[in-house]
Amino acid sequence: MSTLALLVVLLLVLVVVLVVGAVMYAVHRAPALSVPVAAGIATVAALAAVIAVVVAAGGGGGA
C-alpha cells in the first residue's frame, strides 16, 4: 500500500469514528430515540454499505 492509500484509510477511520460518536451522543441525549450502542452499530453498518458501493462503482482495482 502506498503512503497516500494509508492516509486515506486513516482519514476514513477517523471520519467513521467521529460520525459514530456523534450519533451515539445524540441518542444518549435523547434516550427515546434508541439504545446508543445499537445506533452506533447501525451507523457503522450504513457507512460500510456506502463505502462498499463507492468502491464497487469505482472499480475497486489498484495495482
PDB file of N, CA and C in Angstrom:
ATOM      1  N   MET A   1       0.840  -1.180   0.000  1.00  0.00           N
ATOM      2  CA  MET A   1       0.000   0.000   0.000  1.00  0.00           C
ATOM      3  C   MET A   1       0.884   1.242   0.000  1.00  0.00           C
ATOM      4  N   SER A   2       0.478   2.203  -0.770  1.00  0.00           N
ATOM      5  CA  SER A   2       1.239   3.437  -0.799  1.00  0.00           C
ATOM      6  C   SER A   2       0.918   4.287   0.424  1.00  0.00           C
ATOM      7  N   THR A   3       1.734   5.287   0.644  1.00  0.00           N
ATOM      8  CA  THR A   3       1.516   6.182   1.772  1.00  0.00           C
ATOM      9  C   THR A   3       0.197   6.926   1.619  1.00  0.00           C
ATOM     10  N   LEU A   4      -0.131   7.323   0.401  1.00  0.00           N
ATOM     11  CA  LEU A   4      -1.383   8.027   0.167  1.00  0.00           C
ATOM     12  C   LEU A   4      -2.581   7.143   0.511  1.00  0.00           C
ATOM     13  N   ALA A   5      -2.524   5.892   0.115  1.00  0.00           N
ATOM     14  CA  ALA A   5      -3.624   4.970   0.412  1.00  0.00           C
ATOM     15  C   ALA A   5      -3.774   4.772   1.919  1.00  0.00           C
ATOM     16  N   LEU A   6      -2.662   4.663   2.622  1.00  0.00           N
ATOM     17  CA  LEU A   6      -2.726   4.508   4.078  1.00  0.00           C
ATOM     18  C   LEU A   6      -3.306   5.750   4.742  1.00  0.00           C
ATOM     19  N   LEU A   7      -2.944   6.925   4.243  1.00  0.00           N
ATOM     20  CA  LEU A   7      -3.501   8.161   4.795  1.00  0.00           C
ATOM     21  C   LEU A   7      -5.000   8.267   4.537  1.00  0.00           C
ATOM     22  N   VAL A   8      -5.439   7.828   3.371  1.00  0.00           N
ATOM     23  CA  VAL A   8      -6.863   7.845   3.053  1.00  0.00           C
ATOM     24  C   VAL A   8      -7.619   6.888   3.972  1.00  0.00           C
ATOM     25  N   VAL A   9      -7.072   5.720   4.207  1.00  0.00           N
ATOM     26  CA  VAL A   9      -7.701   4.757   5.111  1.00  0.00           C
ATOM     27  C   VAL A   9      -7.763   5.326   6.524  1.00  0.00           C
ATOM     28  N   LEU A  10      -6.695   5.952   6.978  1.00  0.00           N
ATOM     29  CA  LEU A  10      -6.683   6.558   8.305  1.00  0.00           C
ATOM     30  C   LEU A  10      -7.732   7.663   8.409  1.00  0.00           C
ATOM     31  N   LEU A  11      -7.832   8.492   7.393  1.00  0.00           N
ATOM     32  CA  LEU A  11      -8.835   9.553   7.379  1.00  0.00           C
ATOM     33  C   LEU A  11     -10.242   8.972   7.405  1.00  0.00           C
ATOM     34  N   LEU A  12     -10.467   7.920   6.650  1.00  0.00           N
ATOM     35  CA  LEU A  12     -11.771   7.264   6.622  1.00  0.00           C
ATOM     36  C   LEU A  12     -12.132   6.709   8.001  1.00  0.00           C
ATOM     37  N   VAL A  13     -11.182   6.092   8.664  1.00  0.00           N
ATOM     38  CA  VAL A  13     -11.424   5.553  10.001  1.00  0.00           C
ATOM     39  C   VAL A  13     -11.765   6.683  10.974  1.00  0.00           C
ATOM     40  N   LEU A  14     -11.027   7.786  10.890  1.00  0.00           N
ATOM     41  CA  LEU A  14     -11.300   8.913  11.783  1.00  0.00           C
ATOM     42  C   LEU A  14     -12.692   9.495  11.544  1.00  0.00           C
ATOM     43  N   VAL A  15     -13.087   9.613  10.292  1.00  0.00           N
ATOM     44  CA  VAL A  15     -14.420  10.138   9.973  1.00  0.00           C
ATOM     45  C   VAL A  15     -15.500   9.199  10.497  1.00  0.00           C
ATOM     46  N   VAL A  16     -15.316   7.904  10.319  1.00  0.00           N
ATOM     47  CA  VAL A  16     -16.298   6.933  10.808  1.00  0.00           C
ATOM     48  C   VAL A  16     -16.416   7.018  12.327  1.00  0.00           C
ATOM     49  N   VAL A  17     -15.289   7.131  13.021  1.00  0.00           N
ATOM     50  CA  VAL A  17     -15.318   7.236  14.484  1.00  0.00           C
ATOM     51  C   VAL A  17     -16.055   8.506  14.913  1.00  0.00           C
ATOM     52  N   LEU A  18     -15.803   9.620  14.224  1.00  0.00           N
ATOM     53  CA  LEU A  18     -16.489  10.868  14.561  1.00  0.00           C
ATOM     54  C   LEU A  18     -17.994  10.770  14.333  1.00  0.00           C
ATOM     55  N   VAL A  19     -18.397  10.190  13.208  1.00  0.00           N
ATOM     56  CA  VAL A  19     -19.822  10.076  12.900  1.00  0.00           C
ATOM     57  C   VAL A  19     -20.514   9.152  13.896  1.00  0.00           C
ATOM     58  N   VAL A  20     -19.903   8.024  14.186  1.00  0.00           N
ATOM     59  CA  VAL A  20     -20.494   7.086  15.138  1.00  0.00           C
ATOM     60  C   VAL A  20     -20.588   7.726  16.521  1.00  0.00           C
ATOM     61  N   GLY A  21     -19.559   8.440  16.920  1.00  0.00           N
ATOM     62  CA  GLY A  21     -19.587   9.132  18.204  1.00  0.00           C
ATOM     63  C   GLY A  21     -20.694  10.173  18.257  1.00  0.00           C
ATOM     64  N   ALA A  22     -20.870  10.922  17.182  1.00  0.00           N
ATOM     65  CA  ALA A  22     -21.927  11.932  17.137  1.00  0.00           C
ATOM     66  C   ALA A  22     -23.310  11.300  17.227  1.00  0.00           C
ATOM     67  N   VAL A  23     -23.507  10.192  16.517  1.00  0.00           N
ATOM     68  CA  VAL A  23     -24.809   9.509  16.564  1.00  0.00           C
ATOM     69  C   VAL A  23     -25.065   8.945  17.960  1.00  0.00           C
ATOM     70  N   MET A  24     -24.054   8.329  18.540  1.00  0.00           N
ATOM     71  CA  MET A  24     -24.232   7.759  19.876  1.00  0.00           C
ATOM     72  C   MET A  24     -24.491   8.858  20.901  1.00  0.00           C
ATOM     73  N   TYR A  25     -23.835   9.995  20.776  1.00  0.00           N
ATOM     74  CA  TYR A  25     -24.072  11.105  21.694  1.00  0.00           C
ATOM     75  C   TYR A  25     -25.491  11.650  21.543  1.00  0.00           C
ATOM     76  N   ALA A  26     -25.932  11.798  20.294  1.00  0.00           N
ATOM     77  CA  ALA A  26     -27.286  12.305  20.060  1.00  0.00           C
ATOM     78  C   ALA A  26     -28.331  11.355  20.637  1.00  0.00           C
ATOM     79  N   VAL A  27     -28.105  10.067  20.484  1.00  0.00           N
ATOM     80  CA  VAL A  27     -29.047   9.082  21.025  1.00  0.00           C
ATOM     81  C   VAL A  27     -28.978   9.079  22.553  1.00  0.00           C
ATOM     82  N   HIS A  28     -27.793   9.269  23.091  1.00  0.00           N
ATOM     83  CA  HIS A  28     -27.636   9.310  24.546  1.00  0.00           C
ATOM     84  C   HIS A  28     -28.372  10.509  25.139  1.00  0.00           C
ATOM     85  N   ARG A  29     -28.348  11.633  24.443  1.00  0.00           N
ATOM     86  CA  ARG A  29     -29.019  12.838  24.926  1.00  0.00           C
ATOM     87  C   ARG A  29     -30.538  12.725  24.805  1.00  0.00           C
ATOM     88  N   ALA A  30     -31.022  11.931  23.869  1.00  0.00           N
ATOM     89  CA  ALA A  30     -32.462  11.729  23.691  1.00  0.00           C
ATOM     90  C   ALA A  30     -32.751  10.232  23.733  1.00  0.00           C
ATOM     91  N   PRO A  31     -32.855   9.661  24.923  1.00  0.00           N
ATOM     92  CA  PRO A  31     -32.993   8.205  25.061  1.00  0.00           C
ATOM     93  C   PRO A  31     -34.199   7.608  24.339  1.00  0.00           C
ATOM     94  N   ALA A  32     -35.183   8.421  24.042  1.00  0.00           N
ATOM     95  CA  ALA A  32     -36.358   7.893  23.351  1.00  0.00           C
ATOM     96  C   ALA A  32     -36.013   7.428  21.936  1.00  0.00           C
ATOM     97  N   LEU A  33     -34.885   7.886  21.405  1.00  0.00           N
ATOM     98  CA  LEU A  33     -34.531   7.518  20.032  1.00  0.00           C
ATOM     99  C   LEU A  33     -34.196   6.031  19.921  1.00  0.00           C
ATOM    100  N   SER A  34     -33.328   5.549  20.783  1.00  0.00           N
ATOM    101  CA  SER A  34     -32.932   4.142  20.731  1.00  0.00           C
ATOM    102  C   SER A  34     -31.811   3.909  21.737  1.00  0.00           C
ATOM    103  N   VAL A  35     -31.263   2.732  21.700  1.00  0.00           N
ATOM    104  CA  VAL A  35     -30.121   2.407  22.541  1.00  0.00           C
ATOM    105  C   VAL A  35     -28.853   2.927  21.848  1.00  0.00           C
ATOM    106  N   PRO A  36     -27.994   3.662  22.543  1.00  0.00           N
ATOM    107  CA  PRO A  36     -26.810   4.252  21.901  1.00  0.00           C
ATOM    108  C   PRO A  36     -25.908   3.252  21.185  1.00  0.00           C
ATOM    109  N   VAL A  37     -25.695   2.104  21.783  1.00  0.00           N
ATOM    110  CA  VAL A  37     -24.806   1.127  21.148  1.00  0.00           C
ATOM    111  C   VAL A  37     -25.410   0.607  19.850  1.00  0.00           C
ATOM    112  N   ALA A  38     -26.700   0.344  19.853  1.00  0.00           N
ATOM    113  CA  ALA A  38     -27.368  -0.136  18.646  1.00  0.00           C
ATOM    114  C   ALA A  38     -27.319   0.929  17.552  1.00  0.00           C
ATOM    115  N   ALA A  39     -27.473   2.183  17.933  1.00  0.00           N
ATOM    116  CA  ALA A  39     -27.399   3.257  16.950  1.00  0.00           C
ATOM    117  C   ALA A  39     -25.990   3.358  16.362  1.00  0.00           C
ATOM    118  N   GLY A  40     -24.989   3.197  17.199  1.00  0.00           N
ATOM    119  CA  GLY A  40     -23.603   3.229  16.709  1.00  0.00           C
ATOM    120  C   GLY A  40     -23.312   2.091  15.745  1.00  0.00           C
ATOM    121  N   ILE A  41     -23.781   0.904  16.079  1.00  0.00           N
ATOM    122  CA  ILE A  41     -23.565  -0.251  15.199  1.00  0.00           C
ATOM    123  C   ILE A  41     -24.311  -0.071  13.882  1.00  0.00           C
ATOM    124  N   ALA A  42     -25.519   0.449  13.943  1.00  0.00           N
ATOM    125  CA  ALA A  42     -26.286   0.695  12.718  1.00  0.00           C
ATOM    126  C   ALA A  42     -25.595   1.741  11.848  1.00  0.00           C
ATOM    127  N   THR A  43     -25.001   2.752  12.471  1.00  0.00           N
ATOM    128  CA  THR A  43     -24.283   3.771  11.715  1.00  0.00           C
ATOM    129  C   THR A  43     -23.058   3.177  11.024  1.00  0.00           C
ATOM    130  N   VAL A  44     -22.334   2.340  11.729  1.00  0.00           N
ATOM    131  CA  VAL A  44     -21.163   1.684  11.129  1.00  0.00           C
ATOM    132  C   VAL A  44     -21.594   0.832   9.940  1.00  0.00           C
ATOM    133  N   ALA A  45     -22.680   0.097  10.093  1.00  0.00           N
ATOM    134  CA  ALA A  45     -23.168  -0.746   9.001  1.00  0.00           C
ATOM    135  C   ALA A  45     -23.585   0.095   7.795  1.00  0.00           C
ATOM    136  N   ALA A  46     -24.255   1.214   8.045  1.00  0.00           N
ATOM    137  CA  ALA A  46     -24.683   2.077   6.945  1.00  0.00           C
ATOM    138  C   ALA A  46     -23.485   2.693   6.230  1.00  0.00           C
ATOM    139  N   LEU A  47     -22.500   3.160   6.985  1.00  0.00           N
ATOM    140  CA  LEU A  47     -21.299   3.731   6.358  1.00  0.00           C
ATOM    141  C   LEU A  47     -20.529   2.669   5.577  1.00  0.00           C
ATOM    142  N   ALA A  48     -20.463   1.461   6.111  1.00  0.00           N
ATOM    143  CA  ALA A  48     -19.772   0.379   5.402  1.00  0.00           C
ATOM    144  C   ALA A  48     -20.474   0.064   4.085  1.00  0.00           C
ATOM    145  N   ALA A  49     -21.799   0.096   4.086  1.00  0.00           N
ATOM    146  CA  ALA A  49     -22.546  -0.159   2.852  1.00  0.00           C
ATOM    147  C   ALA A  49     -22.284   0.935   1.818  1.00  0.00           C
ATOM    148  N   VAL A  50     -22.261   2.180   2.257  1.00  0.00           N
ATOM    149  CA  VAL A  50     -21.995   3.285   1.331  1.00  0.00           C
ATOM    150  C   VAL A  50     -20.584   3.183   0.765  1.00  0.00           C
ATOM    151  N   ILE A  51     -19.618   2.879   1.619  1.00  0.00           N
ATOM    152  CA  ILE A  51     -18.232   2.757   1.159  1.00  0.00           C
ATOM    153  C   ILE A  51     -18.093   1.593   0.180  1.00  0.00           C
ATOM    154  N   ALA A  52     -18.784   0.487   0.440  1.00  0.00           N
ATOM    155  CA  ALA A  52     -18.729  -0.660  -0.470  1.00  0.00           C
ATOM    156  C   ALA A  52     -19.297  -0.303  -1.842  1.00  0.00           C
ATOM    157  N   VAL A  53     -20.375   0.465  -1.856  1.00  0.00           N
ATOM    158  CA  VAL A  53     -20.959   0.876  -3.133  1.00  0.00           C
ATOM    159  C   VAL A  53     -20.014   1.792  -3.887  1.00  0.00           C
ATOM    160  N   VAL A  54     -19.379   2.718  -3.191  1.00  0.00           N
ATOM    161  CA  VAL A  54     -18.435   3.644  -3.827  1.00  0.00           C
ATOM    162  C   VAL A  54     -17.249   2.887  -4.400  1.00  0.00           C
ATOM    163  N   VAL A  55     -16.713   1.944  -3.632  1.00  0.00           N
ATOM    164  CA  VAL A  55     -15.561   1.164  -4.104  1.00  0.00           C
ATOM    165  C   VAL A  55     -15.951   0.301  -5.303  1.00  0.00           C
ATOM    166  N   ALA A  56     -17.140  -0.305  -5.245  1.00  0.00           N
ATOM    167  CA  ALA A  56     -17.593  -1.135  -6.367  1.00  0.00           C
ATOM    168  C   ALA A  56     -17.825  -0.287  -7.614  1.00  0.00           C
ATOM    169  N   ALA A  57     -18.369   0.904  -7.444  1.00  0.00           N
ATOM    170  CA  ALA A  57     -18.630   1.784  -8.598  1.00  0.00           C
ATOM    171  C   ALA A  57     -17.320   2.294  -9.186  1.00  0.00           C
ATOM    172  N   GLY A  58     -16.312   2.472  -8.334  1.00  0.00           N
ATOM    173  CA  GLY A  58     -15.025   2.964  -8.809  1.00  0.00           C
ATOM    174  C   GLY A  58     -14.152   1.872  -9.395  1.00  0.00           C
ATOM    175  N   GLY A  59     -14.608   0.670  -9.393  1.00  0.00           N
ATOM    176  CA  GLY A  59     -13.819  -0.437  -9.944  1.00  0.00           C
ATOM    177  C   GLY A  59     -13.085  -1.211  -8.873  1.00  0.00           C
ATOM    178  N   GLY A  60     -12.773  -0.550  -7.769  1.00  0.00           N
ATOM    179  CA  GLY A  60     -12.135  -1.226  -6.664  1.00  0.00           C
ATOM    180  C   GLY A  60     -10.744  -1.755  -6.979  1.00  0.00           C
ATOM    181  N   GLY A  61     -10.257  -1.506  -8.158  1.00  0.00           N
ATOM    182  CA  GLY A  61      -8.961  -2.046  -8.541  1.00  0.00           C
ATOM    183  C   GLY A  61      -7.822  -1.110  -8.172  1.00  0.00           C
ATOM    184  N   GLY A  62      -6.673  -1.639  -8.137  1.00  0.00           N
ATOM    185  CA  GLY A  62      -5.485  -0.845  -7.850  1.00  0.00           C
ATOM    186  C   GLY A  62      -4.277  -1.754  -7.928  1.00  0.00           C
ATOM    187  N   ALA A  63      -3.278  -1.292  -8.644  1.00  0.00           N
ATOM    188  CA  ALA A  63      -2.140  -2.171  -8.807  1.00  0.00           C
ATOM    189  C   ALA A  63      -0.899  -1.593  -8.218  1.00  0.00           C
TER     190      ALA A  63
END
